Amino acid sequence: RTGLPLSSIDKALQQAEAKGLITRDWARVRPTERGFDFLSDLQELFLA
């Protein structure tokens, strides 16, 4: 849906996972309860 490679979000995903805002596996990314509570902080990690 973006036409972009996964490398375009890899750094932000690593940061989000380190902060406990997401969980992920080889197929899917999910916000944690903490990610839901601090959704704006999670989304901002993906700003250009």
All heavy atoms as atom14 arrays in JSON, in Angstrom:
{
  "sequence": "RTGLPLSSIDKALQQAEAKGLITRDWARVRPTERGFDFLSDLQELFLA",
  "atom14_mask": [
    [1, 1, 1, 1, 1, 1, 1, 1, 1, 1, 1, 0, 0, 0],
    [1, 1, 1, 1, 1, 1, 1, 0, 0, 0, 0, 0, 0, 0],
    [1, 1, 1, 1, 0, 0, 0, 0, 0, 0, 0, 0, 0, 0],
    [1, 1, 1, 1, 1, 1, 1, 1, 0, 0, 0, 0, 0, 0],
    [1, 1, 1, 1, 1, 1, 1, 0, 0, 0, 0, 0, 0, 0],
    [1, 1, 1, 1, 1, 1, 1, 1, 0, 0, 0, 0, 0, 0],
    [1, 1, 1, 1, 1, 1, 0, 0, 0, 0, 0, 0, 0, 0],
    [1, 1, 1, 1, 1, 1, 0, 0, 0, 0, 0, 0, 0, 0],
    [1, 1, 1, 1, 1, 1, 1, 1, 0, 0, 0, 0, 0, 0],
    [1, 1, 1, 1, 1, 1, 1, 1, 0, 0, 0, 0, 0, 0],
    [1, 1, 1, 1, 1, 1, 1, 1, 1, 0, 0, 0, 0, 0],
    [1, 1, 1, 1, 1, 0, 0, 0, 0, 0, 0, 0, 0, 0],
    [1, 1, 1, 1, 1, 1, 1, 1, 0, 0, 0, 0, 0, 0],
    [1, 1, 1, 1, 1, 1, 1, 1, 1, 0, 0, 0, 0, 0],
    [1, 1, 1, 1, 1, 1, 1, 1, 1, 0, 0, 0, 0, 0],
    [1, 1, 1, 1, 1, 0, 0, 0, 0, 0, 0, 0, 0, 0],
    [1, 1, 1, 1, 1, 1, 1, 1, 1, 0, 0, 0, 0, 0],
    [1, 1, 1, 1, 1, 0, 0, 0, 0, 0, 0, 0, 0, 0],
    [1, 1, 1, 1, 1, 1, 1, 1, 1, 0, 0, 0, 0, 0],
    [1, 1, 1, 1, 0, 0, 0, 0, 0, 0, 0, 0, 0, 0],
    [1, 1, 1, 1, 1, 1, 1, 1, 0, 0, 0, 0, 0, 0],
    [1, 1, 1, 1, 1, 1, 1, 1, 0, 0, 0, 0, 0, 0],
    [1, 1, 1, 1, 1, 1, 1, 0, 0, 0, 0, 0, 0, 0],
    [1, 1, 1, 1, 1, 1, 1, 1, 1, 1, 1, 0, 0, 0],
    [1, 1, 1, 1, 1, 1, 1, 1, 0, 0, 0, 0, 0, 0],
    [1, 1, 1, 1, 1, 1, 1, 1, 1, 1, 1, 1, 1, 1],
    [1, 1, 1, 1, 1, 0, 0, 0, 0, 0, 0, 0, 0, 0],
    [1, 1, 1, 1, 1, 1, 1, 1, 1, 1, 1, 0, 0, 0],
    [1, 1, 1, 1, 1, 1, 1, 0, 0, 0, 0, 0, 0, 0],
    [1, 1, 1, 1, 1, 1, 1, 1, 1, 1, 1, 0, 0, 0],
    [1, 1, 1, 1, 1, 1, 1, 0, 0, 0, 0, 0, 0, 0],
    [1, 1, 1, 1, 1, 1, 1, 0, 0, 0, 0, 0, 0, 0],
    [1, 1, 1, 1, 1, 1, 1, 1, 1, 0, 0, 0, 0, 0],
    [1, 1, 1, 1, 1, 1, 1, 1, 1, 1, 1, 0, 0, 0],
    [1, 1, 1, 1, 0, 0, 0, 0, 0, 0, 0, 0, 0, 0],
    [1, 1, 1, 1, 1, 1, 1, 1, 1, 1, 1, 0, 0, 0],
    [1, 1, 1, 1, 1, 1, 1, 1, 0, 0, 0, 0, 0, 0],
    [1, 1, 1, 1, 1, 1, 1, 1, 1, 1, 1, 0, 0, 0],
    [1, 1, 1, 1, 1, 1, 1, 1, 0, 0, 0, 0, 0, 0],
    [1, 1, 1, 1, 1, 1, 0, 0, 0, 0, 0, 0, 0, 0],
    [1, 1, 1, 1, 1, 1, 1, 1, 0, 0, 0, 0, 0, 0],
    [1, 1, 1, 1, 1, 1, 1, 1, 0, 0, 0, 0, 0, 0],
    [1, 1, 1, 1, 1, 1, 1, 1, 1, 0, 0, 0, 0, 0],
    [1, 1, 1, 1, 1, 1, 1, 1, 1, 0, 0, 0, 0, 0],
    [1, 1, 1, 1, 1, 1, 1, 1, 0, 0, 0, 0, 0, 0],
    [1, 1, 1, 1, 1, 1, 1, 1, 1, 1, 1, 0, 0, 0],
    [1, 1, 1, 1, 1, 1, 1, 1, 0, 0, 0, 0, 0, 0],
    [1, 1, 1, 1, 1, 0, 0, 0, 0, 0, 0, 0, 0, 0]
  ],
  "atom14_positions": [
    [[0.79, -1.23, 0.0], [0.0, 0.0, 0.0], [0.82, 1.28, 0.0], [0.28, 2.36, -0.22], [-0.99, -0.04, 1.16], [-1.94, -1.21, 1.01], [-3.08, -1.27, 1.96], [-3.85, -2.49, 1.7], [-4.98, -2.81, 2.29], [-5.5, -1.97, 3.2], [-5.62, -3.92, 2.0], [0.0, 0.0, 0.0], [0.0, 0.0, 0.0], [0.0, 0.0, 0.0]],
    [[2.12, 1.16, 0.25], [2.99, 2.34, 0.13], [3.94, 2.23, -1.05], [4.46, 3.24, -1.51], [3.82, 2.54, 1.41], [4.75, 1.45, 1.56], [2.93, 2.64, 2.65], [0.0, 0.0, 0.0], [0.0, 0.0, 0.0], [0.0, 0.0, 0.0], [0.0, 0.0, 0.0], [0.0, 0.0, 0.0], [0.0, 0.0, 0.0], [0.0, 0.0, 0.0]],
    [[4.2, 1.01, -1.51], [5.19, 0.82, -2.56], [6.61, 1.04, -2.09], [7.54, 1.18, -2.9], [0.0, 0.0, 0.0], [0.0, 0.0, 0.0], [0.0, 0.0, 0.0], [0.0, 0.0, 0.0], [0.0, 0.0, 0.0], [0.0, 0.0, 0.0], [0.0, 0.0, 0.0], [0.0, 0.0, 0.0], [0.0, 0.0, 0.0], [0.0, 0.0, 0.0]],
    [[6.81, 1.04, -0.76], [8.13, 1.28, -0.18], [8.71, -0.02, 0.37], [7.97, -0.92, 0.77], [8.03, 2.31, 0.95], [7.53, 3.7, 0.59], [7.42, 4.56, 1.85], [8.46, 4.37, -0.42], [0.0, 0.0, 0.0], [0.0, 0.0, 0.0], [0.0, 0.0, 0.0], [0.0, 0.0, 0.0], [0.0, 0.0, 0.0], [0.0, 0.0, 0.0]],
    [[10.03, -0.12, 0.47], [10.65, -1.3, 1.08], [10.55, -1.23, 2.6], [10.35, -0.15, 3.19], [12.1, -1.21, 0.63], [12.34, 0.26, 0.47], [11.04, 0.83, -0.05], [0.0, 0.0, 0.0], [0.0, 0.0, 0.0], [0.0, 0.0, 0.0], [0.0, 0.0, 0.0], [0.0, 0.0, 0.0], [0.0, 0.0, 0.0], [0.0, 0.0, 0.0]],
    [[10.72, -2.37, 3.26], [10.67, -2.4, 4.72], [11.8, -1.61, 5.35], [11.7, -1.16, 6.5], [10.7, -3.84, 5.22], [9.45, -4.68, 4.9], [9.6, -6.09, 5.45], [8.2, -4.03, 5.47], [0.0, 0.0, 0.0], [0.0, 0.0, 0.0], [0.0, 0.0, 0.0], [0.0, 0.0, 0.0], [0.0, 0.0, 0.0], [0.0, 0.0, 0.0]],
    [[12.87, -1.41, 4.61], [13.99, -0.62, 5.14], [13.56, 0.82, 5.46], [14.19, 1.49, 6.27], [15.15, -0.6, 4.14], [14.74, -0.05, 2.9], [0.0, 0.0, 0.0], [0.0, 0.0, 0.0], [0.0, 0.0, 0.0], [0.0, 0.0, 0.0], [0.0, 0.0, 0.0], [0.0, 0.0, 0.0], [0.0, 0.0, 0.0], [0.0, 0.0, 0.0]],
    [[12.47, 1.28, 4.86], [11.99, 2.64, 5.1], [11.42, 2.82, 6.5], [11.26, 3.95, 6.97], [10.93, 3.03, 4.06], [9.79, 2.18, 4.15], [0.0, 0.0, 0.0], [0.0, 0.0, 0.0], [0.0, 0.0, 0.0], [0.0, 0.0, 0.0], [0.0, 0.0, 0.0], [0.0, 0.0, 0.0], [0.0, 0.0, 0.0], [0.0, 0.0, 0.0]],
    [[11.1, 1.72, 7.19], [10.56, 1.82, 8.55], [11.35, 1.01, 9.57], [10.98, 0.96, 10.75], [9.08, 1.37, 8.61], [8.91, -0.06, 8.03], [8.18, 2.37, 7.88], [7.53, -0.64, 8.24], [0.0, 0.0, 0.0], [0.0, 0.0, 0.0], [0.0, 0.0, 0.0], [0.0, 0.0, 0.0], [0.0, 0.0, 0.0], [0.0, 0.0, 0.0]],
    [[12.43, 0.38, 9.13], [13.16, -0.53, 10.03], [13.69, 0.2, 11.27], [13.55, -0.29, 12.39], [14.3, -1.19, 9.26], [14.97, -2.26, 10.1], [14.27, -3.2, 10.54], [16.19, -2.14, 10.36], [0.0, 0.0, 0.0], [0.0, 0.0, 0.0], [0.0, 0.0, 0.0], [0.0, 0.0, 0.0], [0.0, 0.0, 0.0], [0.0, 0.0, 0.0]],
    [[14.29, 1.37, 11.08], [14.86, 2.11, 12.21], [13.78, 2.48, 13.22], [13.94, 2.31, 14.43], [15.57, 3.36, 11.71], [16.18, 4.21, 12.82], [16.86, 5.46, 12.24], [17.38, 6.36, 13.35], [18.01, 7.61, 12.8], [0.0, 0.0, 0.0], [0.0, 0.0, 0.0], [0.0, 0.0, 0.0], [0.0, 0.0, 0.0], [0.0, 0.0, 0.0]],
    [[12.64, 2.98, 12.72], [11.54, 3.38, 13.6], [10.95, 2.18, 14.33], [10.6, 2.26, 15.52], [10.47, 4.11, 12.8], [0.0, 0.0, 0.0], [0.0, 0.0, 0.0], [0.0, 0.0, 0.0], [0.0, 0.0, 0.0], [0.0, 0.0, 0.0], [0.0, 0.0, 0.0], [0.0, 0.0, 0.0], [0.0, 0.0, 0.0], [0.0, 0.0, 0.0]],
    [[10.84, 1.04, 13.64], [10.34, -0.17, 14.29], [11.26, -0.62, 15.42], [10.8, -1.04, 16.49], [10.17, -1.29, 13.26], [9.04, -1.15, 12.24], [9.07, -2.31, 11.25], [7.68, -1.09, 12.93], [0.0, 0.0, 0.0], [0.0, 0.0, 0.0], [0.0, 0.0, 0.0], [0.0, 0.0, 0.0], [0.0, 0.0, 0.0], [0.0, 0.0, 0.0]],
    [[12.56, -0.53, 15.19], [13.52, -0.9, 16.23], [13.36, 0.01, 17.46], [13.37, -0.46, 18.6], [14.94, -0.81, 15.69], [15.3, -1.88, 14.66], [16.73, -1.75, 14.17], [17.6, -1.27, 14.88], [16.98, -2.16, 12.93], [0.0, 0.0, 0.0], [0.0, 0.0, 0.0], [0.0, 0.0, 0.0], [0.0, 0.0, 0.0], [0.0, 0.0, 0.0]],
    [[13.2, 1.31, 17.21], [13.02, 2.25, 18.32], [11.72, 1.97, 19.07], [11.68, 1.98, 20.3], [13.01, 3.69, 17.78], [14.36, 4.15, 17.23], [14.27, 5.53, 16.58], [13.23, 5.93, 16.08], [15.38, 6.25, 16.59], [0.0, 0.0, 0.0], [0.0, 0.0, 0.0], [0.0, 0.0, 0.0], [0.0, 0.0, 0.0], [0.0, 0.0, 0.0]],
    [[10.65, 1.72, 18.32], [9.35, 1.45, 18.95], [9.39, 0.18, 19.79], [8.84, 0.13, 20.89], [8.27, 1.35, 17.87], [0.0, 0.0, 0.0], [0.0, 0.0, 0.0], [0.0, 0.0, 0.0], [0.0, 0.0, 0.0], [0.0, 0.0, 0.0], [0.0, 0.0, 0.0], [0.0, 0.0, 0.0], [0.0, 0.0, 0.0], [0.0, 0.0, 0.0]],
    [[10.07, -0.83, 19.28], [10.18, -2.09, 20.01], [11.01, -1.9, 21.27], [10.67, -2.41, 22.35], [10.79, -3.15, 19.1], [10.72, -4.56, 19.67], [11.15, -5.6, 18.65], [12.04, -5.3, 17.81], [10.6, -6.72, 18.68], [0.0, 0.0, 0.0], [0.0, 0.0, 0.0], [0.0, 0.0, 0.0], [0.0, 0.0, 0.0], [0.0, 0.0, 0.0]],
    [[12.08, -1.14, 21.18], [12.94, -0.89, 22.34], [12.19, -0.12, 23.43], [12.46, -0.31, 24.62], [14.17, -0.1, 21.9], [0.0, 0.0, 0.0], [0.0, 0.0, 0.0], [0.0, 0.0, 0.0], [0.0, 0.0, 0.0], [0.0, 0.0, 0.0], [0.0, 0.0, 0.0], [0.0, 0.0, 0.0], [0.0, 0.0, 0.0], [0.0, 0.0, 0.0]],
    [[11.26, 0.72, 23.04], [10.47, 1.5, 24.0], [9.26, 0.73, 24.53], [8.49, 1.24, 25.35], [9.98, 2.8, 23.34], [11.08, 3.79, 22.99], [10.51, 4.97, 22.22], [11.58, 5.97, 21.8], [12.1, 6.74, 22.94], [0.0, 0.0, 0.0], [0.0, 0.0, 0.0], [0.0, 0.0, 0.0], [0.0, 0.0, 0.0], [0.0, 0.0, 0.0]],
    [[9.05, -0.5, 24.04], [7.92, -1.31, 24.48], [6.59, -0.86, 23.9], [5.53, -1.16, 24.46], [0.0, 0.0, 0.0], [0.0, 0.0, 0.0], [0.0, 0.0, 0.0], [0.0, 0.0, 0.0], [0.0, 0.0, 0.0], [0.0, 0.0, 0.0], [0.0, 0.0, 0.0], [0.0, 0.0, 0.0], [0.0, 0.0, 0.0], [0.0, 0.0, 0.0]],
    [[6.63, -0.2, 22.76], [5.4, 0.34, 22.15], [4.79, -0.61, 21.13], [3.6, -0.45, 20.78], [5.7, 1.69, 21.49], [6.24, 2.79, 22.43], [6.58, 4.04, 21.63], [5.22, 3.11, 23.52], [0.0, 0.0, 0.0], [0.0, 0.0, 0.0], [0.0, 0.0, 0.0], [0.0, 0.0, 0.0], [0.0, 0.0, 0.0], [0.0, 0.0, 0.0]],
    [[5.57, -1.56, 20.63], [5.07, -2.55, 19.67], [5.63, -3.91, 19.98], [6.64, -4.06, 20.68], [5.44, -2.18, 18.21], [6.97, -2.19, 18.03], [4.81, -0.86, 17.77], [7.41, -2.2, 16.57], [0.0, 0.0, 0.0], [0.0, 0.0, 0.0], [0.0, 0.0, 0.0], [0.0, 0.0, 0.0], [0.0, 0.0, 0.0], [0.0, 0.0, 0.0]],
    [[4.96, -4.93, 19.44], [5.55, -6.26, 19.32], [5.51, -6.59, 17.83], [4.66, -6.09, 17.09], [4.75, -7.32, 20.11], [3.4, -7.37, 19.6], [4.74, -6.99, 21.59], [0.0, 0.0, 0.0], [0.0, 0.0, 0.0], [0.0, 0.0, 0.0], [0.0, 0.0, 0.0], [0.0, 0.0, 0.0], [0.0, 0.0, 0.0], [0.0, 0.0, 0.0]],
    [[6.42, -7.45, 17.38], [6.44, -7.79, 15.96], [7.05, -9.16, 15.75], [7.8, -9.68, 16.59], [7.21, -6.75, 15.14], [8.65, -6.52, 15.57], [9.37, -5.58, 14.62], [10.7, -5.23, 15.09], [11.67, -4.81, 14.31], [11.47, -4.69, 13.01], [12.86, -4.49, 14.81], [0.0, 0.0, 0.0], [0.0, 0.0, 0.0], [0.0, 0.0, 0.0]],
    [[6.69, -9.76, 14.62], [7.33, -10.98, 14.17], [7.62, -10.81, 12.69], [7.6, -9.69, 12.17], [6.46, -12.21, 14.47], [5.04, -12.09, 13.9], [4.87, -11.4, 12.86], [4.1, -12.66, 14.47], [0.0, 0.0, 0.0], [0.0, 0.0, 0.0], [0.0, 0.0, 0.0], [0.0, 0.0, 0.0], [0.0, 0.0, 0.0], [0.0, 0.0, 0.0]],
    [[7.86, -11.89, 11.99], [8.25, -11.79, 10.59], [7.1, -11.34, 9.7], [7.32, -10.95, 8.55], [8.77, -13.14, 10.09], [7.74, -14.24, 10.19], [7.51, -15.05, 11.26], [6.81, -14.63, 9.19], [6.48, -15.92, 11.01], [6.03, -15.69, 9.72], [6.54, -14.21, 7.89], [5.01, -16.31, 9.01], [5.52, -14.83, 7.18], [4.78, -15.87, 7.73]],
    [[5.85, -11.38, 10.23], [4.7, -11.09, 9.38], [3.91, -9.86, 9.81], [3.24, -9.24, 8.98], [3.76, -12.29, 9.34], [0.0, 0.0, 0.0], [0.0, 0.0, 0.0], [0.0, 0.0, 0.0], [0.0, 0.0, 0.0], [0.0, 0.0, 0.0], [0.0, 0.0, 0.0], [0.0, 0.0, 0.0], [0.0, 0.0, 0.0], [0.0, 0.0, 0.0]],
    [[3.97, -9.49, 11.1], [3.0, -8.5, 11.6], [3.6, -7.62, 12.69], [4.48, -8.04, 13.45], [1.77, -9.23, 12.15], [0.56, -8.36, 12.31], [-0.73, -9.16, 12.47], [-1.85, -8.26, 12.23], [-2.42, -8.06, 11.05], [-2.0, -8.73, 10.01], [-3.41, -7.2, 10.91], [0.0, 0.0, 0.0], [0.0, 0.0, 0.0], [0.0, 0.0, 0.0]],
    [[3.09, -6.38, 12.77], [3.46, -5.43, 13.82], [2.19, -5.05, 14.58], [1.17, -4.7, 13.97], [4.09, -4.16, 13.22], [4.37, -3.13, 14.32], [5.37, -4.49, 12.47], [0.0, 0.0, 0.0], [0.0, 0.0, 0.0], [0.0, 0.0, 0.0], [0.0, 0.0, 0.0], [0.0, 0.0, 0.0], [0.0, 0.0, 0.0], [0.0, 0.0, 0.0]],
    [[2.24, -5.12, 15.92], [1.08, -4.8, 16.74], [1.47, -3.8, 17.83], [2.54, -3.95, 18.45], [0.52, -6.05, 17.42], [-0.1, -7.08, 16.5], [-0.58, -8.3, 17.29], [-1.28, -9.26, 16.46], [-0.7, -10.2, 15.74], [0.64, -10.33, 15.79], [-1.41, -11.04, 15.0], [0.0, 0.0, 0.0], [0.0, 0.0, 0.0], [0.0, 0.0, 0.0]],
    [[0.62, -2.8, 18.09], [0.9, -1.93, 19.23], [0.65, -2.67, 20.54], [-0.26, -3.5, 20.64], [-0.11, -0.78, 19.06], [-1.23, -1.37, 18.26], [-0.61, -2.41, 17.38], [0.0, 0.0, 0.0], [0.0, 0.0, 0.0], [0.0, 0.0, 0.0], [0.0, 0.0, 0.0], [0.0, 0.0, 0.0], [0.0, 0.0, 0.0], [0.0, 0.0, 0.0]],
    [[1.49, -2.43, 21.54], [1.27, -2.99, 22.87], [0.25, -2.13, 23.62], [-0.21, -1.1, 23.1], [2.58, -3.0, 23.66], [3.04, -1.64, 23.79], [3.65, -3.82, 22.95], [0.0, 0.0, 0.0], [0.0, 0.0, 0.0], [0.0, 0.0, 0.0], [0.0, 0.0, 0.0], [0.0, 0.0, 0.0], [0.0, 0.0, 0.0], [0.0, 0.0, 0.0]],
    [[-0.1, -2.53, 24.84], [-0.98, -1.69, 25.65], [-0.33, -0.32, 25.88], [-1.0, 0.71, 25.83], [-1.26, -2.37, 27.0], [-2.18, -3.57, 26.91], [-3.56, -3.22, 26.39], [-4.05, -2.1, 26.67], [-4.16, -4.06, 25.69], [0.0, 0.0, 0.0], [0.0, 0.0, 0.0], [0.0, 0.0, 0.0], [0.0, 0.0, 0.0], [0.0, 0.0, 0.0]],
    [[0.96, -0.34, 26.1], [1.68, 0.92, 26.27], [1.64, 1.74, 24.97], [1.48, 2.96, 24.99], [3.13, 0.64, 26.68], [3.99, 1.9, 26.86], [5.4, 1.54, 27.34], [6.25, 2.72, 27.36], [6.27, 3.61, 28.33], [5.46, 3.45, 29.38], [7.08, 4.65, 28.28], [0.0, 0.0, 0.0], [0.0, 0.0, 0.0], [0.0, 0.0, 0.0]],
    [[1.76, 1.05, 23.83], [1.68, 1.73, 22.55], [0.34, 2.37, 22.32], [0.23, 3.47, 21.76], [0.0, 0.0, 0.0], [0.0, 0.0, 0.0], [0.0, 0.0, 0.0], [0.0, 0.0, 0.0], [0.0, 0.0, 0.0], [0.0, 0.0, 0.0], [0.0, 0.0, 0.0], [0.0, 0.0, 0.0], [0.0, 0.0, 0.0], [0.0, 0.0, 0.0]],
    [[-0.73, 1.69, 22.76], [-2.08, 2.26, 22.67], [-2.19, 3.5, 23.56], [-2.81, 4.49, 23.18], [-3.11, 1.21, 23.1], [-3.91, 0.65, 21.96], [-3.39, 0.61, 20.67], [-5.19, 0.16, 22.16], [-4.14, 0.09, 19.62], [-5.94, -0.35, 21.12], [-5.42, -0.39, 19.85], [0.0, 0.0, 0.0], [0.0, 0.0, 0.0], [0.0, 0.0, 0.0]],
    [[-1.64, 3.41, 24.76], [-1.75, 4.52, 25.71], [-0.93, 5.74, 25.26], [-1.29, 6.88, 25.56], [-1.28, 4.09, 27.11], [-2.25, 3.14, 27.77], [-3.42, 3.09, 27.35], [-1.84, 2.44, 28.72], [0.0, 0.0, 0.0], [0.0, 0.0, 0.0], [0.0, 0.0, 0.0], [0.0, 0.0, 0.0], [0.0, 0.0, 0.0], [0.0, 0.0, 0.0]],
    [[0.16, 5.48, 24.56], [1.03, 6.57, 24.09], [1.12, 6.53, 22.57], [2.2, 6.54, 21.98], [2.42, 6.44, 24.73], [2.41, 6.59, 26.23], [2.33, 5.47, 27.05], [2.45, 7.85, 26.81], [2.31, 5.61, 28.44], [2.43, 7.99, 28.19], [2.36, 6.87, 29.01], [0.0, 0.0, 0.0], [0.0, 0.0, 0.0], [0.0, 0.0, 0.0]],
    [[-0.06, 6.51, 21.94], [-0.14, 6.33, 20.5], [0.56, 7.46, 19.74], [1.26, 7.21, 18.76], [-1.61, 6.23, 20.07], [-1.85, 6.0, 18.58], [-1.22, 4.69, 18.12], [-3.35, 5.98, 18.29], [0.0, 0.0, 0.0], [0.0, 0.0, 0.0], [0.0, 0.0, 0.0], [0.0, 0.0, 0.0], [0.0, 0.0, 0.0], [0.0, 0.0, 0.0]],
    [[0.39, 8.69, 20.19], [1.03, 9.82, 19.48], [2.54, 9.68, 19.48], [3.21, 9.94, 18.46], [0.62, 11.15, 20.11], [-0.75, 11.39, 19.93], [0.0, 0.0, 0.0], [0.0, 0.0, 0.0], [0.0, 0.0, 0.0], [0.0, 0.0, 0.0], [0.0, 0.0, 0.0], [0.0, 0.0, 0.0], [0.0, 0.0, 0.0], [0.0, 0.0, 0.0]],
    [[3.1, 9.25, 20.62], [4.55, 9.05, 20.7], [5.0, 7.95, 19.74], [6.06, 8.06, 19.11], [4.95, 8.67, 22.13], [4.73, 9.8, 23.13], [4.65, 10.96, 22.69], [4.61, 9.51, 24.33], [0.0, 0.0, 0.0], [0.0, 0.0, 0.0], [0.0, 0.0, 0.0], [0.0, 0.0, 0.0], [0.0, 0.0, 0.0], [0.0, 0.0, 0.0]],
    [[4.2, 6.9, 19.64], [4.52, 5.8, 18.73], [4.47, 6.27, 17.28], [5.4, 6.01, 16.5], [3.54, 4.65, 18.97], [3.58, 3.47, 17.99], [4.98, 2.87, 17.91], [2.56, 2.41, 18.39], [0.0, 0.0, 0.0], [0.0, 0.0, 0.0], [0.0, 0.0, 0.0], [0.0, 0.0, 0.0], [0.0, 0.0, 0.0], [0.0, 0.0, 0.0]],
    [[3.42, 6.97, 16.92], [3.27, 7.42, 15.53], [4.39, 8.39, 15.14], [4.9, 8.33, 14.0], [1.91, 8.09, 15.35], [0.73, 7.13, 15.48], [-0.58, 7.85, 15.71], [-0.62, 8.94, 16.26], [-1.68, 7.24, 15.29], [0.0, 0.0, 0.0], [0.0, 0.0, 0.0], [0.0, 0.0, 0.0], [0.0, 0.0, 0.0], [0.0, 0.0, 0.0]],
    [[4.81, 9.24, 16.06], [5.81, 10.26, 15.75], [7.17, 9.67, 15.38], [7.98, 10.3, 14.71], [5.97, 11.22, 16.92], [4.81, 12.22, 17.04], [4.9, 13.04, 18.29], [5.93, 12.93, 19.01], [3.96, 13.8, 18.58], [0.0, 0.0, 0.0], [0.0, 0.0, 0.0], [0.0, 0.0, 0.0], [0.0, 0.0, 0.0], [0.0, 0.0, 0.0]],
    [[7.42, 8.43, 15.8], [8.68, 7.79, 15.47], [8.84, 7.6, 13.95], [9.95, 7.44, 13.46], [8.8, 6.42, 16.15], [8.89, 6.43, 17.7], [8.85, 5.01, 18.23], [10.16, 7.15, 18.14], [0.0, 0.0, 0.0], [0.0, 0.0, 0.0], [0.0, 0.0, 0.0], [0.0, 0.0, 0.0], [0.0, 0.0, 0.0], [0.0, 0.0, 0.0]],
    [[7.73, 7.64, 13.23], [7.75, 7.39, 11.8], [7.73, 8.67, 10.97], [7.64, 8.62, 9.74], [6.57, 6.49, 11.41], [6.65, 5.12, 12.04], [6.1, 4.9, 13.3], [7.31, 4.09, 11.41], [6.19, 3.64, 13.9], [7.41, 2.84, 11.99], [6.85, 2.62, 13.25], [0.0, 0.0, 0.0], [0.0, 0.0, 0.0], [0.0, 0.0, 0.0]],
    [[7.8, 9.81, 11.63], [7.88, 11.08, 10.91], [9.19, 11.17, 10.13], [10.23, 10.69, 10.58], [7.79, 12.26, 11.87], [6.38, 12.65, 12.36], [6.49, 13.64, 13.5], [5.56, 13.24, 11.22], [0.0, 0.0, 0.0], [0.0, 0.0, 0.0], [0.0, 0.0, 0.0], [0.0, 0.0, 0.0], [0.0, 0.0, 0.0], [0.0, 0.0, 0.0]],
    [[9.12, 11.8, 8.97], [10.34, 11.97, 8.16], [11.32, 12.86, 8.89], [10.93, 13.83, 9.57], [9.96, 12.57, 6.81], [0.0, 0.0, 0.0], [0.0, 0.0, 0.0], [0.0, 0.0, 0.0], [0.0, 0.0, 0.0], [0.0, 0.0, 0.0], [0.0, 0.0, 0.0], [0.0, 0.0, 0.0], [0.0, 0.0, 0.0], [0.0, 0.0, 0.0]]
  ]
}
